């Protein structure tokens, strides 16, 4: 059951990235980065078995951030990708702060969710901190590697730079995160098992995101279709028409 749910989640999540780009352009992709990193840090507290492999949830949501920065890099440049990482980092810091506030409030006699929320947020503060460190490092390096390969190959072989940058950074992120987040809570052997399992899953996910990267070029040539033109944009367009 978990395997089929994972496949469904992968399709829904990666399609969601394309939809956000289509509807809102780079602003939609910035928003996705913030949403993905917060939800991934909530999911990652849950341990599951997928096809007999023990791992933490959140792999697909985290992987979608690499797809997002790659799309931004292709369509809007590497600076847009770096801006997305900065925005996601700010979202993570905000999540940690408000998770702490949520735990600090004393519930009244009518409350029924405090125990559950404390269980989630108490564990996720450490997990989110570890995740935040590795997320920022891995995504930032991913943008740099992606751009370097793009320059070396003169913009050709998009599948190659997509897979190399994503797989390398994902594997490094998995090992760094698993040790920082779970060591002391779980045995070291289990932490390494989670890291290896996560890396294997991430490699498969990375190869699955390549078609979506190509699809965004085919179907999302005109992005941001729901966005209103801002005053500055309208004046620039008017000046172009007048010229």
Protein backbone atom coordinates (compact mmCIF):
# COMPACT_ATOMS: atom_id res chain seq x y z
CA UNK A 1 0.00 0.00 0.00
CA UNK A 2 2.79 2.44 0.93
CA UNK A 3 4.51 1.83 -2.41
CA UNK A 4 1.40 2.75 -4.39
CA UNK A 5 0.78 5.79 -2.19
CA UNK A 6 4.38 6.86 -2.76
CA UNK A 7 4.01 6.61 -6.53
CA UNK A 8 0.75 8.57 -6.38
CA UNK A 9 2.34 11.22 -4.16
CA UNK A 10 5.25 11.56 -6.59
CA UNK A 11 2.93 12.18 -9.52
CA UNK A 12 0.73 14.63 -7.58
CA UNK A 13 3.67 16.56 -6.10
CA UNK A 14 5.69 16.91 -9.32
CA UNK A 15 2.54 17.82 -11.25
CA UNK A 16 1.86 20.41 -8.56
CA UNK A 17 5.19 22.09 -9.28
CA UNK A 18 4.26 22.39 -12.97
CA UNK A 19 0.80 23.74 -12.13
CA UNK A 20 2.26 26.41 -9.82
CA UNK A 21 4.64 27.47 -12.57
CA UNK A 22 1.84 27.57 -15.14
CA UNK A 23 -0.52 29.58 -12.94
CA UNK A 24 1.88 31.89 -11.09
CA UNK A 25 5.26 31.75 -12.85
CA UNK A 26 8.36 32.10 -10.72
CA UNK A 27 6.29 33.47 -7.82
CA UNK A 28 4.39 30.20 -7.77
CA UNK A 29 7.65 28.28 -7.69
CA UNK A 30 8.91 30.45 -4.82
CA UNK A 31 5.68 29.67 -2.98
CA UNK A 32 6.06 25.96 -3.69
CA UNK A 33 9.55 25.96 -2.18
CA UNK A 34 8.19 27.40 1.07
CA UNK A 35 5.23 25.00 1.17
CA UNK A 36 7.32 21.95 0.29
CA UNK A 37 10.00 22.52 2.89
CA UNK A 38 7.45 23.02 5.70
CA UNK A 39 5.31 19.99 4.79
CA UNK A 40 8.38 17.83 4.22
CA UNK A 41 9.56 18.63 7.73
CA UNK A 42 6.19 17.59 9.12
CA UNK A 43 6.19 14.37 7.11
CA UNK A 44 9.79 13.46 7.94
CA UNK A 45 8.87 12.72 11.57
CA UNK A 46 6.97 9.64 10.39
CA UNK A 47 8.91 6.41 9.83
CA UNK A 48 7.56 4.00 7.21
CA UNK A 49 8.49 0.89 5.23
CA UNK A 50 8.30 1.17 1.44
CA UNK A 51 8.91 -2.02 -0.54
CA UNK A 52 10.64 -3.49 2.51
CA UNK A 53 12.92 -0.46 3.00
CA UNK A 54 12.74 1.55 6.24
CA UNK A 55 12.78 5.29 5.63
CA UNK A 56 11.33 8.59 6.78
CA UNK A 57 8.56 10.30 4.88
CA UNK A 58 9.20 13.63 3.17
CA UNK A 59 11.48 12.31 0.40
CA UNK A 60 9.12 13.28 -2.41
CA UNK A 61 8.39 16.74 -1.02
CA UNK A 62 12.09 17.43 -0.52
CA UNK A 63 12.88 16.11 -4.01
CA UNK A 64 10.33 18.52 -5.46
CA UNK A 65 12.49 21.43 -4.26
CA UNK A 66 15.31 20.26 -6.55
CA UNK A 67 12.88 20.06 -9.46
CA UNK A 68 11.67 23.56 -8.58
CA UNK A 69 15.16 25.10 -8.51
CA UNK A 70 16.03 23.33 -11.77
CA UNK A 71 12.95 24.78 -13.48
CA UNK A 72 13.80 28.22 -12.10
CA UNK A 73 17.37 27.83 -13.34
CA UNK A 74 16.22 26.87 -16.85
CA UNK A 75 13.51 29.52 -17.21
CA UNK A 76 14.60 32.41 -15.00
CA UNK A 77 18.32 31.93 -14.29
CA UNK A 78 20.46 30.74 -11.40
CA UNK A 79 19.77 33.88 -9.34
CA UNK A 80 16.08 33.00 -9.28
CA UNK A 81 17.03 29.51 -8.03
CA UNK A 82 19.15 30.98 -5.24
CA UNK A 83 16.33 33.36 -4.30
CA UNK A 84 14.01 30.35 -4.00
CA UNK A 85 16.43 28.65 -1.59
CA UNK A 86 16.59 31.82 0.52
CA UNK A 87 12.79 32.06 0.64
CA UNK A 88 12.50 28.40 1.64
CA UNK A 89 15.12 28.92 4.36
CA UNK A 90 13.06 31.82 5.73
CA UNK A 91 9.95 29.60 5.70
CA UNK A 92 11.84 26.97 7.69
CA UNK A 93 12.99 29.45 10.32
CA UNK A 94 9.41 30.73 10.63
CA UNK A 95 8.14 27.16 11.03
CA UNK A 96 10.61 26.45 13.84
CA UNK A 97 9.68 29.65 15.67
CA UNK A 98 5.93 29.04 15.47
CA UNK A 99 6.37 25.37 16.38
CA UNK A 100 8.02 26.57 19.60
CA UNK A 101 5.17 29.03 20.25
CA UNK A 102 2.62 26.27 19.66
CA UNK A 103 4.22 24.10 22.33
CA UNK A 104 4.57 26.98 24.80
CA UNK A 105 0.85 27.84 25.03
CA UNK A 106 -1.06 26.13 27.86
CA UNK A 107 -4.21 24.41 26.57
CA UNK A 108 -7.58 24.89 28.25
CA UNK A 109 -9.94 22.16 29.44
CA UNK A 110 -11.70 21.93 26.06
CA UNK A 111 -8.50 21.19 24.09
CA UNK A 112 -8.14 17.76 22.50
CA UNK A 113 -5.07 18.16 20.26
CA UNK A 114 -2.29 19.52 22.49
CA UNK A 115 -0.73 16.13 23.23
CA UNK A 116 -0.58 15.19 19.57
CA UNK A 117 0.75 18.58 18.50
CA UNK A 118 3.43 18.51 21.18
CA UNK A 119 4.52 15.06 20.01
CA UNK A 120 4.88 16.31 16.44
CA UNK A 121 6.47 19.69 17.17
CA UNK A 122 8.75 18.50 19.99
CA UNK A 123 10.44 16.03 17.67
CA UNK A 124 10.30 18.22 14.60
CA UNK A 125 12.20 21.15 16.16
CA UNK A 126 15.41 19.10 16.14
CA UNK A 127 14.49 17.43 12.86
CA UNK A 128 13.61 20.74 11.24
CA UNK A 129 16.88 22.32 12.40
CA UNK A 130 18.88 19.42 10.96
CA UNK A 131 16.76 19.46 7.84
CA UNK A 132 17.17 23.20 7.49
CA UNK A 133 20.95 23.04 7.60
CA UNK A 134 21.14 20.22 5.08
CA UNK A 135 18.35 21.64 2.93
CA UNK A 136 20.04 25.02 2.51
CA UNK A 137 23.47 23.49 1.86
CA UNK A 138 22.27 20.79 -0.55
CA UNK A 139 19.94 23.04 -2.54
CA UNK A 140 22.49 25.84 -2.76
CA UNK A 141 25.17 23.42 -3.98
CA UNK A 142 22.64 21.84 -6.35
CA UNK A 143 22.04 25.23 -8.00
CA UNK A 144 25.79 25.80 -8.39
CA UNK A 145 26.49 22.31 -9.80
CA UNK A 146 23.50 22.54 -12.15
CA UNK A 147 24.65 25.91 -13.48
CA UNK A 148 28.27 24.77 -13.87
CA UNK A 149 27.26 21.69 -15.87
CA UNK A 150 24.89 23.83 -17.95
CA UNK A 151 27.76 26.18 -18.82
CA UNK A 152 30.20 23.33 -19.56
CA UNK A 153 27.71 21.59 -21.86
CA UNK A 154 26.61 24.89 -23.49
CA UNK A 155 23.02 24.40 -22.40
CA UNK A 156 22.74 20.89 -23.87
CA UNK A 157 21.88 17.60 -22.15
CA UNK A 158 19.39 18.95 -19.61
CA UNK A 159 18.70 15.40 -18.37
CA UNK A 160 22.38 15.00 -17.48
CA UNK A 161 22.74 18.14 -15.34
CA UNK A 162 19.34 17.50 -13.75
CA UNK A 163 20.21 13.97 -12.63
CA UNK A 164 23.85 14.55 -11.65
CA UNK A 165 23.22 17.64 -9.52
CA UNK A 166 20.07 16.25 -7.90
CA UNK A 167 21.42 12.77 -7.12
CA UNK A 168 24.72 14.03 -5.67
CA UNK A 169 23.10 16.65 -3.47
CA UNK A 170 20.20 14.41 -2.44
CA UNK A 171 22.52 11.64 -1.26
CA UNK A 172 24.69 14.09 0.68
CA UNK A 173 21.58 15.65 2.21
CA UNK A 174 20.21 12.25 3.26
CA UNK A 175 23.34 11.19 5.12
CA UNK A 176 23.86 14.57 6.77
CA UNK A 177 20.23 14.86 7.79
CA UNK A 178 19.85 11.30 9.10
CA UNK A 179 22.85 11.67 11.40
CA UNK A 180 22.02 15.17 12.66
CA UNK A 181 18.31 14.48 13.16
CA UNK A 182 18.19 10.94 14.52
CA UNK A 183 21.52 10.11 16.19
CA UNK A 184 20.87 9.54 19.90
CA UNK A 185 17.17 8.93 19.25
CA UNK A 186 17.84 5.86 17.10
CA UNK A 187 20.94 3.62 16.90
CA UNK A 188 23.66 4.74 14.47
CA UNK A 189 23.11 1.62 12.35
CA UNK A 190 19.44 2.55 11.92
CA UNK A 191 20.39 6.16 11.05
CA UNK A 192 22.72 4.90 8.32
CA UNK A 193 20.06 2.46 7.15
CA UNK A 194 17.58 5.34 6.84
CA UNK A 195 20.20 7.39 4.96
CA UNK A 196 21.00 4.60 2.51
CA UNK A 197 17.31 3.81 2.00
CA UNK A 198 16.52 7.49 1.53
CA UNK A 199 19.36 7.86 -0.97
CA UNK A 200 18.15 4.89 -3.01
CA UNK A 201 14.62 6.26 -3.03
CA UNK A 202 15.88 9.76 -3.87
CA UNK A 203 17.90 8.41 -6.82
CA UNK A 204 14.76 6.82 -8.23
CA UNK A 205 12.76 9.98 -7.57
CA UNK A 206 15.47 12.12 -9.22
CA UNK A 207 15.21 10.07 -12.40
CA UNK A 208 11.42 10.43 -12.29
CA UNK A 209 11.55 14.23 -12.08
CA UNK A 210 13.45 14.55 -15.39
CA UNK A 211 10.35 14.09 -17.60
CA UNK A 212 8.57 16.79 -15.57
CA UNK A 213 11.48 19.17 -16.21
CA UNK A 214 11.06 18.61 -19.95
CA UNK A 215 7.27 18.88 -19.68
CA UNK A 216 7.50 22.32 -18.12
CA UNK A 217 9.32 23.50 -21.25
CA UNK A 218 6.62 22.06 -23.49
CA UNK A 219 3.46 23.04 -21.64
CA UNK A 220 4.55 26.03 -19.59
CA UNK A 221 6.08 28.26 -22.25
CA UNK A 222 3.62 30.90 -21.07
CA UNK A 223 3.77 30.91 -17.27
CA UNK A 224 1.96 32.97 -14.65
CA UNK A 225 -1.38 33.02 -16.49
CA UNK A 226 -3.34 33.96 -13.34
CA UNK A 227 -1.09 36.83 -12.31
CA UNK A 228 -2.26 40.41 -12.70
CA UNK A 229 0.17 42.71 -14.46
CA UNK A 230 1.71 45.14 -12.03
CA UNK A 231 1.86 48.88 -12.73
CA UNK A 232 5.57 48.84 -13.59
CA UNK A 233 5.06 45.97 -16.03
CA UNK A 234 2.10 47.73 -17.65
CA UNK A 235 4.09 50.96 -18.11
CA UNK A 236 7.01 49.03 -19.64
CA UNK A 237 4.64 47.31 -22.08
CA UNK A 238 3.06 50.68 -22.97
CA UNK A 239 6.48 52.21 -23.62
CA UNK A 240 7.38 49.29 -25.88
CA UNK A 241 4.17 49.73 -27.86
CA UNK A 242 4.75 53.49 -28.15
CA UNK A 243 8.29 52.94 -29.39
